[in-house]
Amino acid sequence: MIEIDHLTKRFGPITAVDDVSFSVAQGEVVGFLGPNGAGKSTTMKMATGFLRPTSGTARICDFDVLEDPIEVKQRIGYLPEGAPMWPDMTTAAFLRFIARVRGFDGAEVDEKIAQAIDKTQLTSVLEQPIDTLSKGYKRRVGLAQALLHDPEVLILDEPTDGLDPNQKHEVRELIHGMSDDKAIVVSTHILEEVEAVCSRAVIIAKGRIVADDTPEELLKKAPDHNAVIIRAADLAAVRAALSGVDGVDGIEDLDQARISVRPKSDAPVVDAVGAALREKGVAVDEIHVERGRLDDVFRQITATG
């Protein structure tokens, strides 16, 4: 439903986006990640037809963004960073305006607005001027206009920016609930959001894609993935018990009460560690396996990308 095809954008001597290609199928929620200035927003502006590429193109539901820009925009719900809204309009008036721009009329206008309001929990601020709303509510109004026409494709730039933890949870649940019949791209710097709602993550650095995989596969690249963390009163006995255990690459002190047992080749080693400790009769207070952190993977990939 989304095809990004060798998109490149240059601003004078600066290449902001450099030959980027990826696709998003129906039912996928793709997290689009990268450091500030990596080219995320520029890529999305080109994909939605708001910025003309230097070369390459994008297709939305088989319509080319350069050849059929109106067809593309009809099928996209777009929440840009800092979504522009008329500050003196009330929330209700703004959504009514958007509904009419989208071609709805009569009772259908009220129906579409009611659905968008219900999804984004805006009932309490319908008659408030947008200028008086908090940052979080302004973001939800922006999300409501993106959802109003029930598009096949959603492209959301920092959709939970400014929201409190409860509101973030509600928006993530909303995205998850819509994902079955849509293709969704979520640009975010909040890596927990990727784990919460995304089926795939595309990471961009210096204008180029440096990773494209599931969150689970990316976590395997974390330096402490599958490491076994042990807390015990007698760490010397733990080290002695684990000496020579197959699959153990090394043992590192974390503090006076904990050690980290690193596996070879990222292979799970917790069973062998547990068996060795039981065989030697070494008591431990706690033992758990690290999943790794996407933050560490992100820094590792973008630093070398």
Protein backbone atom coordinates (compact mmCIF):
# COMPACT_ATOMS: atom_id res chain seq x y z
CA MET A 1 0.00 0.00 0.00
CA ILE A 2 3.03 2.27 0.45
CA GLU A 3 6.02 2.03 -1.89
CA ILE A 4 8.95 4.35 -1.34
CA ASP A 5 11.04 4.02 -4.50
CA HIS A 6 14.61 5.39 -4.48
CA LEU A 7 13.61 8.74 -2.98
CA THR A 8 16.35 11.37 -2.95
CA LYS A 9 16.09 15.00 -1.86
CA ARG A 10 18.86 17.58 -2.14
CA PHE A 11 18.79 21.11 -0.79
CA GLY A 12 21.62 22.77 -2.70
CA PRO A 13 24.82 20.92 -1.75
CA ILE A 14 23.11 19.04 1.12
CA THR A 15 21.61 15.60 0.51
CA ALA A 16 18.85 15.24 3.10
CA VAL A 17 17.50 11.91 1.81
CA ASP A 18 19.74 9.59 -0.19
CA ASP A 19 18.18 6.82 -2.31
CA VAL A 20 15.64 5.58 0.27
CA SER A 21 13.43 2.60 -0.62
CA PHE A 22 11.01 0.52 1.48
CA SER A 23 7.43 -0.69 1.31
CA VAL A 24 4.58 -1.09 3.79
CA ALA A 25 1.83 -3.66 3.33
CA GLN A 26 -1.72 -3.65 4.62
CA GLY A 27 -1.73 -4.71 8.27
CA GLU A 28 1.79 -3.41 8.96
CA VAL A 29 2.71 -0.68 11.43
CA VAL A 30 6.20 0.49 10.54
CA GLY A 31 8.24 2.62 12.92
CA PHE A 32 10.40 5.12 11.02
CA LEU A 33 13.33 6.06 13.25
CA GLY A 34 16.42 8.17 13.08
CA PRO A 35 18.40 10.88 14.87
CA ASN A 36 17.41 14.53 14.47
CA GLY A 37 18.29 15.63 10.95
CA ALA A 38 18.41 12.06 9.60
CA GLY A 39 15.77 12.75 6.91
CA LYS A 40 12.62 11.26 8.47
CA SER A 41 10.27 14.22 8.04
CA THR A 42 11.65 15.01 4.58
CA THR A 43 10.98 11.43 3.47
CA MET A 44 7.40 11.57 4.75
CA LYS A 45 6.76 14.93 3.11
CA MET A 46 7.87 13.44 -0.21
CA ALA A 47 5.80 10.28 0.32
CA THR A 48 2.67 12.34 0.93
CA GLY A 49 3.21 14.73 -1.97
CA PHE A 50 3.97 17.85 0.06
CA LEU A 51 7.57 18.02 -1.12
CA ARG A 52 8.81 17.16 -4.60
CA PRO A 53 11.75 14.71 -4.64
CA THR A 54 14.98 15.45 -6.48
CA SER A 55 14.72 11.91 -7.85
CA GLY A 56 12.73 8.76 -7.20
CA THR A 57 9.04 8.57 -6.36
CA ALA A 58 6.46 7.08 -4.01
CA ARG A 59 3.26 5.16 -4.69
CA ILE A 60 0.25 5.03 -2.39
CA CYS A 61 -2.28 2.29 -3.19
CA ASP A 62 -0.72 2.07 -6.68
CA PHE A 63 -1.08 5.83 -7.37
CA ASP A 64 2.16 7.68 -8.10
CA VAL A 65 2.66 10.71 -5.89
CA LEU A 66 4.07 12.73 -8.82
CA GLU A 67 1.55 11.67 -11.47
CA ASP A 68 -1.63 11.40 -9.33
CA PRO A 69 -1.12 13.70 -6.32
CA ILE A 70 -4.85 14.22 -5.62
CA GLU A 71 -5.57 10.47 -5.68
CA VAL A 72 -2.68 9.96 -3.28
CA LYS A 73 -3.87 12.63 -0.84
CA GLN A 74 -7.39 11.19 -0.82
CA ARG A 75 -6.02 7.90 0.48
CA ILE A 76 -3.64 9.28 3.11
CA GLY A 77 -4.23 10.49 6.61
CA TYR A 78 -1.22 12.65 7.42
CA LEU A 79 -0.21 14.03 10.80
CA PRO A 80 2.88 16.21 10.20
CA GLU A 81 5.20 17.50 12.85
CA GLY A 82 3.70 20.72 14.19
CA ALA A 83 0.46 20.17 12.24
CA PRO A 84 -0.86 23.60 11.16
CA MET A 85 -4.30 24.53 12.53
CA TRP A 86 -6.21 27.82 12.64
CA PRO A 87 -5.73 29.00 16.23
CA ASP A 88 -8.99 30.99 16.45
CA MET A 89 -11.16 28.08 15.28
CA THR A 90 -12.79 25.82 17.84
CA THR A 91 -12.00 22.11 17.69
CA ALA A 92 -15.50 21.37 16.31
CA ALA A 93 -15.30 24.11 13.66
CA PHE A 94 -11.85 22.95 12.53
CA LEU A 95 -12.96 19.32 12.14
CA ARG A 96 -16.10 20.44 10.28
CA PHE A 97 -13.89 22.45 7.91
CA ILE A 98 -11.63 19.42 7.33
CA ALA A 99 -14.67 17.18 6.68
CA ARG A 100 -15.93 19.56 4.00
CA VAL A 101 -12.47 19.86 2.43
CA ARG A 102 -12.43 16.07 2.26
CA GLY A 103 -15.67 16.18 0.25
CA PHE A 104 -18.23 15.12 2.86
CA ASP A 105 -21.64 16.79 3.01
CA GLY A 106 -24.84 16.78 5.04
CA ALA A 107 -25.29 14.12 7.71
CA GLU A 108 -22.04 12.45 6.64
CA VAL A 109 -20.08 15.44 8.00
CA ASP A 110 -21.53 14.95 11.49
CA GLU A 111 -20.98 11.21 11.31
CA LYS A 112 -17.29 11.49 10.35
CA ILE A 113 -16.65 14.16 12.97
CA ALA A 114 -18.35 12.09 15.70
CA GLN A 115 -16.23 9.04 14.82
CA ALA A 116 -12.97 11.05 14.87
CA ILE A 117 -13.91 12.71 18.18
CA ASP A 118 -14.73 9.37 19.77
CA LYS A 119 -11.42 7.83 18.66
CA THR A 120 -9.31 10.73 19.91
CA GLN A 121 -11.28 11.62 23.10
CA LEU A 122 -11.91 15.27 22.24
CA THR A 123 -15.46 15.72 23.57
CA SER A 124 -14.42 17.99 26.45
CA VAL A 125 -12.69 20.57 24.20
CA LEU A 126 -15.01 20.78 21.20
CA GLU A 127 -16.00 24.40 21.81
CA GLN A 128 -12.55 25.64 22.85
CA PRO A 129 -10.44 27.69 20.42
CA ILE A 130 -7.48 25.62 19.31
CA ASP A 131 -5.09 28.34 20.50
CA THR A 132 -6.21 27.71 24.11
CA LEU A 133 -5.60 23.95 24.02
CA SER A 134 -2.66 22.21 25.65
CA LYS A 135 0.06 20.75 23.45
CA GLY A 136 -1.38 17.27 24.03
CA TYR A 137 -4.89 18.26 22.97
CA LYS A 138 -3.57 20.07 19.90
CA ARG A 139 -1.80 16.85 18.93
CA ARG A 140 -5.04 14.90 19.34
CA VAL A 141 -6.91 17.41 17.14
CA GLY A 142 -4.20 16.88 14.51
CA LEU A 143 -4.66 13.13 14.83
CA ALA A 144 -8.46 13.50 14.53
CA GLN A 145 -8.15 15.34 11.20
CA ALA A 146 -5.83 12.61 9.91
CA LEU A 147 -8.36 9.89 10.81
CA LEU A 148 -11.53 11.72 9.83
CA HIS A 149 -11.92 10.25 6.31
CA ASP A 150 -10.94 6.71 7.40
CA PRO A 151 -7.93 6.55 5.04
CA GLU A 152 -6.26 3.40 3.78
CA VAL A 153 -2.83 4.77 4.67
CA LEU A 154 -1.77 6.67 7.80
CA ILE A 155 1.51 8.57 8.04
CA LEU A 156 1.99 9.93 11.54
CA ASP A 157 4.92 12.09 12.59
CA GLU A 158 5.42 11.89 16.38
CA PRO A 159 1.73 11.07 17.10
CA THR A 160 2.15 10.98 20.89
CA ASP A 161 4.27 14.13 21.20
CA GLY A 162 3.03 16.14 24.19
CA LEU A 163 0.68 13.46 25.51
CA ASP A 164 0.70 12.22 29.10
CA PRO A 165 1.29 8.48 29.76
CA ASN A 166 -2.45 7.65 29.78
CA GLN A 167 -3.03 9.52 26.52
CA LYS A 168 0.00 7.84 24.93
CA HIS A 169 -1.45 4.46 25.86
CA GLU A 170 -4.82 5.40 24.32
CA VAL A 171 -3.22 6.55 21.05
CA ARG A 172 -1.07 3.41 20.84
CA GLU A 173 -4.17 1.26 21.39
CA LEU A 174 -5.95 3.26 18.69
CA ILE A 175 -3.11 2.69 16.21
CA HIS A 176 -2.99 -1.00 17.06
CA GLY A 177 -6.76 -1.30 16.63
CA MET A 178 -6.70 0.31 13.17
CA SER A 179 -3.74 -1.66 11.85
CA ASP A 180 -5.55 -4.69 10.39
CA ASP A 181 -6.92 -2.92 7.32
CA LYS A 182 -4.46 -0.04 6.96
CA ALA A 183 -0.80 0.55 6.23
CA ILE A 184 0.65 2.79 8.94
CA VAL A 185 3.98 4.59 9.25
CA VAL A 186 4.83 6.08 12.64
CA SER A 187 7.83 8.38 12.86
CA THR A 188 8.99 8.58 16.45
CA HIS A 189 12.04 9.05 18.65
CA ILE A 190 10.33 7.16 21.49
CA LEU A 191 11.74 3.67 21.14
CA GLU A 192 9.27 2.12 23.61
CA GLU A 193 6.59 3.16 21.10
CA VAL A 194 8.21 0.94 18.49
CA GLU A 195 8.03 -2.07 20.79
CA ALA A 196 4.45 -1.19 21.78
CA VAL A 197 2.82 -0.76 18.35
CA CYS A 198 5.18 -1.52 15.47
CA SER A 199 5.53 -4.77 13.56
CA ARG A 200 8.66 -3.46 11.83
CA ALA A 201 11.24 -0.74 12.29
CA VAL A 202 13.08 1.16 9.55
CA ILE A 203 16.06 3.14 10.84
CA ILE A 204 17.53 6.02 8.84
CA ALA A 205 20.80 7.87 9.48
CA LYS A 206 22.45 10.57 7.39
CA GLY A 207 19.68 10.23 4.81
CA ARG A 208 20.12 6.48 4.21
CA ILE A 209 18.39 3.38 5.56
CA VAL A 210 20.72 1.50 7.91
CA ALA A 211 18.30 -1.14 9.29
CA ASP A 212 14.93 -2.65 8.40
CA ASP A 213 13.71 -5.45 10.66
CA THR A 214 11.23 -6.48 13.33
CA PRO A 215 11.77 -5.07 16.84
CA GLU A 216 12.49 -8.61 18.03
CA GLU A 217 15.27 -9.12 15.48
CA LEU A 218 16.73 -5.69 16.20
CA LEU A 219 16.86 -6.50 19.91
CA LYS A 220 19.15 -9.42 19.09
CA LYS A 221 21.77 -6.86 18.05
CA ALA A 222 21.85 -5.38 21.57
CA PRO A 223 25.19 -5.98 23.31
CA ASP A 224 23.50 -7.55 26.36
CA HIS A 225 20.87 -9.61 24.52
CA ASN A 226 20.50 -13.03 26.21
CA ALA A 227 22.99 -12.10 28.93
CA VAL A 228 22.18 -13.78 32.27
CA ILE A 229 22.12 -11.41 35.24
CA ILE A 230 22.81 -13.06 38.61
CA ARG A 231 22.51 -11.53 42.07
CA ALA A 232 24.18 -13.54 44.87
CA ALA A 233 25.91 -13.11 48.20
CA ASP A 234 28.97 -15.09 47.09
CA LEU A 235 29.87 -13.95 43.60
CA ALA A 236 33.24 -15.71 43.76
CA ALA A 237 31.43 -19.05 44.11
CA VAL A 238 29.19 -18.15 41.16
CA ARG A 239 32.21 -17.37 38.97
CA ALA A 240 33.92 -20.61 39.97
CA ALA A 241 30.77 -22.65 39.21
CA LEU A 242 30.44 -21.09 35.75
CA SER A 243 34.08 -21.51 34.76
CA GLY A 244 34.25 -23.55 31.58
CA VAL A 245 30.47 -23.76 31.00
CA ASP A 246 29.70 -24.30 27.30
CA GLY A 247 28.28 -21.24 25.62
CA VAL A 248 29.61 -18.70 28.13
CA ASP A 249 31.76 -16.03 26.51
CA GLY A 250 32.62 -14.00 29.60
CA ILE A 251 31.55 -12.80 33.03
CA GLU A 252 31.38 -9.11 33.92
CA ASP A 253 30.90 -7.45 37.30
CA LEU A 254 27.95 -5.07 37.33
CA ASP A 255 28.25 -4.04 40.98
CA GLN A 256 29.15 -5.64 44.34
CA ALA A 257 26.10 -7.90 44.27
CA ARG A 258 25.53 -8.69 40.56
CA ILE A 259 27.35 -10.16 37.59
CA SER A 260 26.46 -10.46 33.92
CA VAL A 261 27.15 -13.73 32.09
CA ARG A 262 27.60 -13.06 28.37
CA PRO A 263 26.71 -15.82 25.88
CA LYS A 264 28.70 -16.77 22.81
CA SER A 265 27.10 -15.92 19.45
CA ASP A 266 23.97 -14.53 21.15
CA ALA A 267 22.79 -18.11 21.94
CA PRO A 268 20.60 -18.60 25.06
CA VAL A 269 22.81 -19.82 27.90
CA VAL A 270 20.51 -19.56 30.93
CA ASP A 271 19.75 -23.31 31.08
CA ALA A 272 23.43 -24.23 31.13
CA VAL A 273 24.13 -21.54 33.74
CA GLY A 274 21.30 -22.75 35.97
CA ALA A 275 22.42 -26.37 35.66
CA ALA A 276 26.02 -25.47 36.59
CA LEU A 277 24.91 -23.52 39.66
CA ARG A 278 22.66 -26.35 40.86
CA GLU A 279 25.40 -28.94 40.30
CA LYS A 280 27.85 -26.92 42.43
CA GLY A 281 25.20 -26.11 45.03
CA VAL A 282 25.67 -22.34 44.68
CA ALA A 283 22.81 -20.28 46.08
CA VAL A 284 21.65 -17.17 44.19
CA ASP A 285 19.15 -14.49 45.16
CA GLU A 286 18.05 -13.61 41.64
CA ILE A 287 18.62 -14.74 38.07
CA HIS A 288 17.09 -13.31 34.88
CA VAL A 289 17.79 -13.01 31.16
CA GLU A 290 18.28 -9.62 29.52
CA ARG A 291 16.26 -8.92 26.36
CA GLY A 292 18.46 -5.97 25.45
CA ARG A 293 17.36 -2.39 24.79
CA LEU A 294 16.36 -0.82 21.49
CA ASP A 295 18.06 2.39 22.67
CA ASP A 296 21.42 0.61 22.64
CA VAL A 297 20.75 -0.92 19.21
CA PHE A 298 19.62 2.47 17.86
CA ARG A 299 22.78 4.21 19.08
CA GLN A 300 24.98 1.41 17.75
CA ILE A 301 23.37 1.37 14.29
CA THR A 302 23.08 5.14 13.78
CA ALA A 303 26.62 5.81 15.03
CA THR A 304 28.03 3.55 12.30
CA GLY A 305 25.34 4.22 9.67
